[in-house]
PDB file of N, CA and C in Angstrom:
ATOM      1  N   MET A   1      70.467-131.225  26.614  1.00  0.00           N
ATOM      2  CA  MET A   1      69.492-130.496  27.385  1.00  0.00           C
ATOM      3  C   MET A   1      68.091-130.670  26.812  1.00  0.00           C
ATOM      4  N   ALA A   2      67.985-130.784  25.502  1.00  0.00           N
ATOM      5  CA  ALA A   2      66.676-130.978  24.882  1.00  0.00           C
ATOM      6  C   ALA A   2      66.085-132.322  25.285  1.00  0.00           C
ATOM      7  N   ASP A   3      66.949-133.333  25.425  1.00  0.00           N
ATOM      8  CA  ASP A   3      66.462-134.639  25.854  1.00  0.00           C
ATOM      9  C   ASP A   3      65.942-134.579  27.286  1.00  0.00           C
ATOM     10  N   ASP A   4      66.594-133.772  28.140  1.00  0.00           N
ATOM     11  CA  ASP A   4      66.125-133.608  29.511  1.00  0.00           C
ATOM     12  C   ASP A   4      64.756-132.946  29.534  1.00  0.00           C
ATOM     13  N   LEU A   5      64.562-131.957  28.678  1.00  0.00           N
ATOM     14  CA  LEU A   5      63.276-131.271  28.599  1.00  0.00           C
ATOM     15  C   LEU A   5      62.189-132.226  28.122  1.00  0.00           C
ATOM     16  N   GLU A   6      62.492-133.001  27.089  1.00  0.00           N
ATOM     17  CA  GLU A   6      61.511-133.961  26.584  1.00  0.00           C
ATOM     18  C   GLU A   6      61.160-134.992  27.643  1.00  0.00           C
ATOM     19  N   GLN A   7      62.169-135.468  28.362  1.00  0.00           N
ATOM     20  CA  GLN A   7      61.927-136.475  29.396  1.00  0.00           C
ATOM     21  C   GLN A   7      61.071-135.892  30.522  1.00  0.00           C
ATOM     22  N   SER A   8      61.341-134.659  30.910  1.00  0.00           N
ATOM     23  CA  SER A   8      60.545-134.055  31.983  1.00  0.00           C
ATOM     24  C   SER A   8      59.109-133.803  31.522  1.00  0.00           C
ATOM     25  N   ILE A   9      58.919-133.414  30.261  1.00  0.00           N
ATOM     26  CA  ILE A   9      57.560-133.241  29.734  1.00  0.00           C
ATOM     27  C   ILE A   9      56.823-134.574  29.730  1.00  0.00           C
ATOM     28  N   ARG A  10      57.510-135.624  29.305  1.00  0.00           N
ATOM     29  CA  ARG A  10      56.906-136.959  29.260  1.00  0.00           C
ATOM     30  C   ARG A  10      56.519-137.418  30.671  1.00  0.00           C
ATOM     31  N   GLU A  11      57.407-137.224  31.651  1.00  0.00           N
ATOM     32  CA  GLU A  11      57.131-137.647  33.022  1.00  0.00           C
ATOM     33  C   GLU A  11      55.995-136.828  33.639  1.00  0.00           C
ATOM     34  N   ASN A  12      56.000-135.518  33.399  1.00  0.00           N
ATOM     35  CA  ASN A  12      54.952-134.673  33.965  1.00  0.00           C
ATOM     36  C   ASN A  12      53.587-134.992  33.372  1.00  0.00           C
ATOM     37  N   ALA A  13      53.537-135.369  32.120  1.00  0.00           N
ATOM     38  CA  ALA A  13      52.263-135.725  31.495  1.00  0.00           C
ATOM     39  C   ALA A  13      51.726-137.033  32.063  1.00  0.00           C
ATOM     40  N   GLN A  14      52.610-137.918  32.504  1.00  0.00           N
ATOM     41  CA  GLN A  14      52.185-139.202  33.045  1.00  0.00           C
ATOM     42  C   GLN A  14      51.816-139.119  34.521  1.00  0.00           C
ATOM     43  N   GLN A  15      52.337-138.141  35.235  1.00  0.00           N
ATOM     44  CA  GLN A  15      52.056-138.010  36.656  1.00  0.00           C
ATOM     45  C   GLN A  15      50.751-137.241  36.866  1.00  0.00           C
ATOM     46  N   PRO A  16      50.166-137.388  38.038  1.00  0.00           N
ATOM     47  CA  PRO A  16      48.908-136.667  38.298  1.00  0.00           C
ATOM     48  C   PRO A  16      49.123-135.165  38.408  1.00  0.00           C
ATOM     49  N   ALA A  17      48.076-134.414  38.066  1.00  0.00           N
ATOM     50  CA  ALA A  17      48.141-132.962  38.156  1.00  0.00           C
ATOM     51  C   ALA A  17      47.982-132.507  39.605  1.00  0.00           C
ATOM     52  N   LYS A  18      47.113-133.175  40.365  1.00  0.00           N
ATOM     53  CA  LYS A  18      46.883-132.848  41.771  1.00  0.00           C
ATOM     54  C   LYS A  18      46.838-134.132  42.577  1.00  0.00           C
ATOM     55  N   ALA A  19      47.266-134.067  43.807  1.00  0.00           N
ATOM     56  CA  ALA A  19      47.186-135.203  44.718  1.00  0.00           C
ATOM     57  C   ALA A  19      46.958-134.670  46.119  1.00  0.00           C
ATOM     58  N   SER A  20      46.144-135.378  46.899  1.00  0.00           N
ATOM     59  CA  SER A  20      45.890-134.984  48.289  1.00  0.00           C
ATOM     60  C   SER A  20      46.520-136.001  49.223  1.00  0.00           C
ATOM     61  N   GLY A  21      46.646-135.639  50.465  1.00  0.00           N
ATOM     62  CA  GLY A  21      47.326-136.480  51.432  1.00  0.00           C
ATOM     63  C   GLY A  21      46.485-137.613  51.976  1.00  0.00           C
ATOM     64  N   ASP A  22      45.832-137.396  53.119  1.00  0.00           N
ATOM     65  CA  ASP A  22      45.146-138.462  53.851  1.00  0.00           C
ATOM     66  C   ASP A  22      43.954-139.040  53.090  1.00  0.00           C
ATOM     67  N   SER A  23      43.247-138.224  52.363  1.00  0.00           N
ATOM     68  CA  SER A  23      42.068-138.721  51.650  1.00  0.00           C
ATOM     69  C   SER A  23      42.443-139.587  50.458  1.00  0.00           C
ATOM     70  N   GLY A  24      43.628-139.395  49.911  1.00  0.00           N
ATOM     71  CA  GLY A  24      44.103-140.223  48.812  1.00  0.00           C
ATOM     72  C   GLY A  24      43.523-139.846  47.463  1.00  0.00           C
ATOM     73  N   SER A  25      42.965-138.661  47.316  1.00  0.00           N
ATOM     74  CA  SER A  25      42.396-138.281  46.022  1.00  0.00           C
ATOM     75  C   SER A  25      43.502-137.849  45.060  1.00  0.00           C
ATOM     76  N   VAL A  26      43.328-138.196  43.814  1.00  0.00           N
ATOM     77  CA  VAL A  26      44.303-137.893  42.764  1.00  0.00           C
ATOM     78  C   VAL A  26      43.538-137.376  41.558  1.00  0.00           C
ATOM     79  N   GLU A  27      44.070-136.353  40.902  1.00  0.00           N
ATOM     80  CA  GLU A  27      43.435-135.806  39.702  1.00  0.00           C
ATOM     81  C   GLU A  27      44.454-135.833  38.573  1.00  0.00           C
ATOM     82  N   GLN A  28      44.055-136.402  37.423  1.00  0.00           N
ATOM     83  CA  GLN A  28      44.942-136.475  36.270  1.00  0.00           C
ATOM     84  C   GLN A  28      44.925-135.159  35.510  1.00  0.00           C
ATOM     85  N   HIS A  29      45.922-135.005  34.653  1.00  0.00           N
ATOM     86  CA  HIS A  29      45.924-133.864  33.739  1.00  0.00           C
ATOM     87  C   HIS A  29      44.747-134.025  32.788  1.00  0.00           C
ATOM     88  N   PRO A  30      44.172-132.933  32.331  1.00  0.00           N
ATOM     89  CA  PRO A  30      43.074-133.034  31.357  1.00  0.00           C
ATOM     90  C   PRO A  30      43.542-133.762  30.094  1.00  0.00           C
ATOM     91  N   LEU A  31      42.628-134.467  29.473  1.00  0.00           N
ATOM     92  CA  LEU A  31      42.953-135.245  28.285  1.00  0.00           C
ATOM     93  C   LEU A  31      43.508-134.357  27.172  1.00  0.00           C
ATOM     94  N   ALA A  32      42.978-133.165  27.032  1.00  0.00           N
ATOM     95  CA  ALA A  32      43.462-132.255  25.989  1.00  0.00           C
ATOM     96  C   ALA A  32      44.933-131.903  26.215  1.00  0.00           C
ATOM     97  N   ASP A  33      45.326-131.719  27.472  1.00  0.00           N
ATOM     98  CA  ASP A  33      46.728-131.423  27.772  1.00  0.00           C
ATOM     99  C   ASP A  33      47.627-132.615  27.483  1.00  0.00           C
ATOM    100  N   GLN A  34      47.143-133.815  27.774  1.00  0.00           N
ATOM    101  CA  GLN A  34      47.921-135.023  27.482  1.00  0.00           C
ATOM    102  C   GLN A  34      48.107-135.204  25.984  1.00  0.00           C
ATOM    103  N   ILE A  35      47.056-134.943  25.223  1.00  0.00           N
ATOM    104  CA  ILE A  35      47.143-135.063  23.766  1.00  0.00           C
ATOM    105  C   ILE A  35      48.097-134.017  23.207  1.00  0.00           C
ATOM    106  N   GLU A  36      48.033-132.806  23.723  1.00  0.00           N
ATOM    107  CA  GLU A  36      48.922-131.734  23.266  1.00  0.00           C
ATOM    108  C   GLU A  36      50.378-132.064  23.569  1.00  0.00           C
ATOM    109  N   ALA A  37      50.648-132.630  24.732  1.00  0.00           N
ATOM    110  CA  ALA A  37      52.014-133.034  25.079  1.00  0.00           C
ATOM    111  C   ALA A  37      52.501-134.133  24.142  1.00  0.00           C
ATOM    112  N   ASP A  38      51.618-135.072  23.809  1.00  0.00           N
ATOM    113  CA  ASP A  38      51.985-136.146  22.887  1.00  0.00           C
ATOM    114  C   ASP A  38      52.274-135.593  21.498  1.00  0.00           C
ATOM    115  N   ARG A  39      51.473-134.663  21.027  1.00  0.00           N
ATOM    116  CA  ARG A  39      51.706-134.042  19.713  1.00  0.00           C
ATOM    117  C   ARG A  39      53.028-133.280  19.698  1.00  0.00           C
ATOM    118  N   TYR A  40      53.302-132.578  20.779  1.00  0.00           N
ATOM    119  CA  TYR A  40      54.543-131.809  20.865  1.00  0.00           C
ATOM    120  C   TYR A  40      55.752-132.740  20.794  1.00  0.00           C
ATOM    121  N   LEU A  41      55.728-133.816  21.565  1.00  0.00           N
ATOM    122  CA  LEU A  41      56.863-134.740  21.572  1.00  0.00           C
ATOM    123  C   LEU A  41      57.006-135.444  20.216  1.00  0.00           C
ATOM    124  N   ALA A  42      55.875-135.784  19.578  1.00  0.00           N
ATOM    125  CA  ALA A  42      55.933-136.425  18.266  1.00  0.00           C
ATOM    126  C   ALA A  42      56.490-135.472  17.210  1.00  0.00           C
ATOM    127  N   SER A  43      56.118-134.203  17.284  1.00  0.00           N
ATOM    128  CA  SER A  43      56.622-133.249  16.295  1.00  0.00           C
ATOM    129  C   SER A  43      58.115-133.004  16.490  1.00  0.00           C
ATOM    130  N   LYS A  44      58.580-133.003  17.734  1.00  0.00           N
ATOM    131  CA  LYS A  44      60.011-132.843  17.993  1.00  0.00           C
ATOM    132  C   LYS A  44      60.781-134.036  17.436  1.00  0.00           C
ATOM    133  N   GLN A  45      60.224-135.239  17.599  1.00  0.00           N
ATOM    134  CA  GLN A  45      60.898-136.432  17.089  1.00  0.00           C
ATOM    135  C   GLN A  45      60.880-136.435  15.560  1.00  0.00           C
ATOM    136  N   ALA A  46      59.807-136.005  14.946  1.00  0.00           N
ATOM    137  CA  ALA A  46      59.726-135.958  13.484  1.00  0.00           C
ATOM    138  C   ALA A  46      60.692-134.927  12.914  1.00  0.00           C
ATOM    139  N   ALA A  47      60.879-133.835  13.602  1.00  0.00           N
ATOM    140  CA  ALA A  47      61.806-132.800  13.131  1.00  0.00           C
ATOM    141  C   ALA A  47      63.245-133.283  13.179  1.00  0.00           C
ATOM    142  N   ARG A  48      63.543-134.177  14.107  1.00  0.00           N
ATOM    143  CA  ARG A  48      64.894-134.730  14.206  1.00  0.00           C
ATOM    144  C   ARG A  48      65.158-135.831  13.191  1.00  0.00           C
ATOM    145  N   SER A  49      64.127-136.345  12.568  1.00  0.00           N
ATOM    146  CA  SER A  49      64.254-137.446  11.629  1.00  0.00           C
ATOM    147  C   SER A  49      65.069-137.031  10.416  1.00  0.00           C
ATOM    148  N   LYS A  50      65.843-137.942   9.880  1.00  0.00           N
ATOM    149  CA  LYS A  50      66.658-137.665   8.701  1.00  0.00           C
ATOM    150  C   LYS A  50      65.866-137.838   7.410  1.00  0.00           C
ATOM    151  N   ARG A  51      64.704-138.439   7.502  1.00  0.00           N
ATOM    152  CA  ARG A  51      63.886-138.655   6.314  1.00  0.00           C
ATOM    153  C   ARG A  51      63.148-137.378   5.961  1.00  0.00           C
ATOM    154  N   LEU A  52      62.920-137.191   4.704  1.00  0.00           N
ATOM    155  CA  LEU A  52      62.177-136.028   4.231  1.00  0.00           C
ATOM    156  C   LEU A  52      60.684-136.270   4.412  1.00  0.00           C
ATOM    157  N   GLY A  53      59.969-135.248   4.736  1.00  0.00           N
ATOM    158  CA  GLY A  53      58.534-135.372   4.899  1.00  0.00           C
ATOM    159  C   GLY A  53      57.813-135.488   3.564  1.00  0.00           C
ATOM    160  N   LEU A  54      58.364-134.870   2.539  1.00  0.00           N
ATOM    161  CA  LEU A  54      57.733-134.859   1.230  1.00  0.00           C
ATOM    162  C   LEU A  54      58.829-134.912   0.180  1.00  0.00           C
ATOM    163  N   ARG A  55      58.672-135.772  -0.783  1.00  0.00           N
ATOM    164  CA  ARG A  55      59.684-135.912  -1.824  1.00  0.00           C
ATOM    165  C   ARG A  55      59.007-135.811  -3.186  1.00  0.00           C
ATOM    166  N   PHE A  56      59.565-134.991  -4.057  1.00  0.00           N
ATOM    167  CA  PHE A  56      59.075-134.831  -5.410  1.00  0.00           C
ATOM    168  C   PHE A  56      59.979-135.606  -6.354  1.00  0.00           C
ATOM    169  N   THR A  57      59.367-136.348  -7.262  1.00  0.00           N
ATOM    170  CA  THR A  57      60.122-137.127  -8.228  1.00  0.00           C
ATOM    171  C   THR A  57      59.526-136.875  -9.604  1.00  0.00           C
ATOM    172  N   LYS A  58      60.397-136.687 -10.573  1.00  0.00           N
ATOM    173  CA  LYS A  58      59.938-136.493 -11.943  1.00  0.00           C
ATOM    174  C   LYS A  58      59.951-137.846 -12.619  1.00  0.00           C
ATOM    175  N   ILE A  59      58.797-138.280 -13.109  1.00  0.00           N
ATOM    176  CA  ILE A  59      58.666-139.566 -13.781  1.00  0.00           C
ATOM    177  C   ILE A  59      58.629-139.317 -15.280  1.00  0.00           C
ATOM    178  N   VAL A  60      59.565-139.947 -15.971  1.00  0.00           N
ATOM    179  CA  VAL A  60      59.638-139.825 -17.422  1.00  0.00           C
ATOM    180  C   VAL A  60      59.450-141.209 -18.024  1.00  0.00           C
ATOM    181  N   PRO A  61      58.393-141.409 -18.824  1.00  0.00           N
ATOM    182  CA  PRO A  61      58.195-142.721 -19.436  1.00  0.00           C
ATOM    183  C   PRO A  61      59.278-142.980 -20.498  1.00  0.00           C
ATOM    184  N   PRO A  62      59.619-144.247 -20.707  1.00  0.00           N
ATOM    185  CA  PRO A  62      60.672-144.543 -21.694  1.00  0.00           C
ATOM    186  C   PRO A  62      60.246-144.133 -23.105  1.00  0.00           C
ATOM    187  N   GLY A  63      61.197-143.588 -23.850  1.00  0.00           N
ATOM    188  CA  GLY A  63      60.961-143.160 -25.220  1.00  0.00           C
ATOM    189  C   GLY A  63      60.298-141.797 -25.333  1.00  0.00           C
ATOM    190  N   ALA A  64      60.197-141.059 -24.291  1.00  0.00           N
ATOM    191  CA  ALA A  64      59.516-139.765 -24.335  1.00  0.00           C
ATOM    192  C   ALA A  64      60.526-138.613 -24.412  1.00  0.00           C
ATOM    193  N   GLU A  65      61.749-138.900 -24.798  1.00  0.00           N
ATOM    194  CA  GLU A  65      62.783-137.860 -24.822  1.00  0.00           C
ATOM    195  C   GLU A  65      62.548-136.921 -25.912  1.00  0.00           C
TER     196      GLU A  65
END
């Protein structure tokens, strides 16, 4: 179901926000809304990633025991 939601968000962001009939006028979603949708989808994909966002490693030089 989450994939369906992501797909519908992606499709809605790509489609026009308004469209008229005979005159043929079309209005896109505002750029800020498109950017926000892209950030949302990217954050969802990053959260699903198996890689860690931040990794701490202790570095010990040789002979420092």
